[in-house]
Amino acid sequence: MPARNFFNHKCFDDKLTGIPVYSYFCSLNKKIMKNNMGIADKIVRIIVAIIFAALYFTDTVPGILGIILLVLGVVFVLTSLIGFCPLYLPFGINTGAKKK
């Protein structure tokens, strides 16, 4: 079963209020934010994010560099959860499975 993109599950109107939920993100996802990350890419990013967090919280890398690594780790986790890396777009990189 393929992994679902975070934004694909609620692109419809909310049944209770009638308000479109995630409508902005859904339109972005359909136009631009195609899943361009494979499973191995996501796993590597999450492992690197854990390493960055460990380096920061153990004061191995203190100060501004530690904060930069921590923010970069958060970005890695978010892009892994979403399955989309915006830096891959200009270079045409797609580490995901090829569609037949």
C-alpha atoms as a PDB file:
ATOM      1  CA  MET A   1       0.000   0.000   0.000  1.00  0.00           C
ATOM      2  CA  PRO A   2       1.595   3.311  -1.014  1.00  0.00           C
ATOM      3  CA  ALA A   3       2.149   5.977   1.612  1.00  0.00           C
ATOM      4  CA  ARG A   4      -0.483   8.701   1.514  1.00  0.00           C
ATOM      5  CA  ASN A   5       0.514  12.298   1.198  1.00  0.00           C
ATOM      6  CA  PHE A   6      -0.455  14.358   4.260  1.00  0.00           C
ATOM      7  CA  PHE A   7      -2.511  16.850   2.278  1.00  0.00           C
ATOM      8  CA  ASN A   8      -4.503  14.320   0.222  1.00  0.00           C
ATOM      9  CA  HIS A   9      -6.831  13.172   2.960  1.00  0.00           C
ATOM     10  CA  LYS A  10      -8.950  16.326   3.492  1.00  0.00           C
ATOM     11  CA  CYS A  11      -9.236  18.160   0.180  1.00  0.00           C
ATOM     12  CA  PHE A  12     -13.009  18.247   0.413  1.00  0.00           C
ATOM     13  CA  ASP A  13     -15.449  20.485   2.252  1.00  0.00           C
ATOM     14  CA  ASP A  14     -15.906  19.805   5.921  1.00  0.00           C
ATOM     15  CA  LYS A  15     -19.271  18.035   6.293  1.00  0.00           C
ATOM     16  CA  LEU A  16     -20.174  19.850   9.503  1.00  0.00           C
ATOM     17  CA  THR A  17     -19.322  23.469   8.630  1.00  0.00           C
ATOM     18  CA  GLY A  18     -19.163  23.385   4.830  1.00  0.00           C
ATOM     19  CA  ILE A  19     -15.809  25.182   4.945  1.00  0.00           C
ATOM     20  CA  PRO A  20     -13.112  23.891   2.579  1.00  0.00           C
ATOM     21  CA  VAL A  21     -10.402  22.287   4.654  1.00  0.00           C
ATOM     22  CA  TYR A  22      -6.789  22.628   3.474  1.00  0.00           C
ATOM     23  CA  SER A  23      -8.088  24.065   0.207  1.00  0.00           C
ATOM     24  CA  TYR A  24      -4.956  26.163  -0.302  1.00  0.00           C
ATOM     25  CA  PHE A  25      -2.668  23.227   0.362  1.00  0.00           C
ATOM     26  CA  CYS A  26      -4.736  20.891  -1.778  1.00  0.00           C
ATOM     27  CA  SER A  27      -4.537  23.233  -4.758  1.00  0.00           C
ATOM     28  CA  LEU A  28      -0.780  23.529  -4.262  1.00  0.00           C
ATOM     29  CA  ASN A  29      -0.487  19.777  -3.978  1.00  0.00           C
ATOM     30  CA  LYS A  30      -2.383  19.166  -7.196  1.00  0.00           C
ATOM     31  CA  LYS A  31      -0.430  21.788  -9.165  1.00  0.00           C
ATOM     32  CA  ILE A  32       3.066  21.809  -7.713  1.00  0.00           C
ATOM     33  CA  MET A  33       3.541  19.588  -4.690  1.00  0.00           C
ATOM     34  CA  LYS A  34       3.782  16.184  -6.291  1.00  0.00           C
ATOM     35  CA  ASN A  35       5.345  13.498  -4.160  1.00  0.00           C
ATOM     36  CA  ASN A  36       9.019  13.542  -5.190  1.00  0.00           C
ATOM     37  CA  MET A  37      10.604  11.626  -2.312  1.00  0.00           C
ATOM     38  CA  GLY A  38      11.100   7.892  -2.011  1.00  0.00           C
ATOM     39  CA  ILE A  39      11.049   5.776   1.121  1.00  0.00           C
ATOM     40  CA  ALA A  40      14.860   5.598   1.377  1.00  0.00           C
ATOM     41  CA  ASP A  41      15.107   9.391   1.046  1.00  0.00           C
ATOM     42  CA  LYS A  42      12.550   9.877   3.824  1.00  0.00           C
ATOM     43  CA  ILE A  43      14.300   7.417   6.144  1.00  0.00           C
ATOM     44  CA  VAL A  44      17.710   9.046   5.600  1.00  0.00           C
ATOM     45  CA  ARG A  45      16.254  12.500   6.291  1.00  0.00           C
ATOM     46  CA  ILE A  46      14.626  11.353   9.530  1.00  0.00           C
ATOM     47  CA  ILE A  47      17.841   9.671  10.700  1.00  0.00           C
ATOM     48  CA  VAL A  48      19.848  12.818   9.914  1.00  0.00           C
ATOM     49  CA  ALA A  49      17.254  14.923  11.773  1.00  0.00           C
ATOM     50  CA  ILE A  50      17.593  12.673  14.831  1.00  0.00           C
ATOM     51  CA  ILE A  51      21.383  13.009  14.674  1.00  0.00           C
ATOM     52  CA  PHE A  52      21.113  16.814  14.397  1.00  0.00           C
ATOM     53  CA  ALA A  53      18.764  16.917  17.404  1.00  0.00           C
ATOM     54  CA  ALA A  54      21.086  14.673  19.430  1.00  0.00           C
ATOM     55  CA  LEU A  55      24.069  16.869  18.586  1.00  0.00           C
ATOM     56  CA  TYR A  56      22.190  19.975  19.669  1.00  0.00           C
ATOM     57  CA  PHE A  57      20.635  18.624  22.875  1.00  0.00           C
ATOM     58  CA  THR A  58      23.889  17.027  24.073  1.00  0.00           C
ATOM     59  CA  ASP A  59      25.713  20.349  23.491  1.00  0.00           C
ATOM     60  CA  THR A  60      28.103  18.717  21.061  1.00  0.00           C
ATOM     61  CA  VAL A  61      27.267  21.502  18.610  1.00  0.00           C
ATOM     62  CA  PRO A  62      26.294  24.546  20.697  1.00  0.00           C
ATOM     63  CA  GLY A  63      25.293  28.066  19.762  1.00  0.00           C
ATOM     64  CA  ILE A  64      24.107  29.325  16.413  1.00  0.00           C
ATOM     65  CA  LEU A  65      25.396  26.321  14.462  1.00  0.00           C
ATOM     66  CA  GLY A  66      23.443  24.013  16.766  1.00  0.00           C
ATOM     67  CA  ILE A  67      20.260  26.018  16.262  1.00  0.00           C
ATOM     68  CA  ILE A  68      20.777  25.976  12.484  1.00  0.00           C
ATOM     69  CA  LEU A  69      21.200  22.190  12.575  1.00  0.00           C
ATOM     70  CA  LEU A  70      18.084  21.850  14.726  1.00  0.00           C
ATOM     71  CA  VAL A  71      16.004  23.956  12.305  1.00  0.00           C
ATOM     72  CA  LEU A  72      17.380  21.978   9.374  1.00  0.00           C
ATOM     73  CA  GLY A  73      16.408  18.775  11.187  1.00  0.00           C
ATOM     74  CA  VAL A  74      12.851  20.057  11.616  1.00  0.00           C
ATOM     75  CA  VAL A  75      12.717  20.869   7.891  1.00  0.00           C
ATOM     76  CA  PHE A  76      13.963  17.356   7.107  1.00  0.00           C
ATOM     77  CA  VAL A  77      11.228  15.791   9.245  1.00  0.00           C
ATOM     78  CA  LEU A  78       8.505  17.992   7.740  1.00  0.00           C
ATOM     79  CA  THR A  79       9.551  17.269   4.165  1.00  0.00           C
ATOM     80  CA  SER A  80       9.701  13.568   5.006  1.00  0.00           C
ATOM     81  CA  LEU A  81       6.178  13.599   6.409  1.00  0.00           C
ATOM     82  CA  ILE A  82       4.801  15.552   3.448  1.00  0.00           C
ATOM     83  CA  GLY A  83       6.803  13.594   0.866  1.00  0.00           C
ATOM     84  CA  PHE A  84       7.745  16.710  -1.070  1.00  0.00           C
ATOM     85  CA  CYS A  85      11.077  18.534  -1.250  1.00  0.00           C
ATOM     86  CA  PRO A  86      10.872  21.967  -2.915  1.00  0.00           C
ATOM     87  CA  LEU A  87      14.617  21.957  -3.636  1.00  0.00           C
ATOM     88  CA  TYR A  88      14.151  18.945  -5.912  1.00  0.00           C
ATOM     89  CA  LEU A  89      11.871  20.880  -8.310  1.00  0.00           C
ATOM     90  CA  PRO A  90      14.439  23.103 -10.091  1.00  0.00           C
ATOM     91  CA  PHE A  91      16.761  20.148 -10.597  1.00  0.00           C
ATOM     92  CA  GLY A  92      14.063  17.692 -11.669  1.00  0.00           C
ATOM     93  CA  ILE A  93      15.023  15.200  -8.964  1.00  0.00           C
ATOM     94  CA  ASN A  94      12.487  12.527  -8.058  1.00  0.00           C
ATOM     95  CA  THR A  95      13.565   9.766  -5.692  1.00  0.00           C
ATOM     96  CA  GLY A  96      10.060   8.304  -5.547  1.00  0.00           C
ATOM     97  CA  ALA A  97       8.776   5.270  -7.409  1.00  0.00           C
ATOM     98  CA  LYS A  98       8.338   5.626 -11.151  1.00  0.00           C
ATOM     99  CA  LYS A  99       4.717   5.624 -12.286  1.00  0.00           C
ATOM    100  CA  LYS A 100       3.857   3.213 -15.096  1.00  0.00           C
END
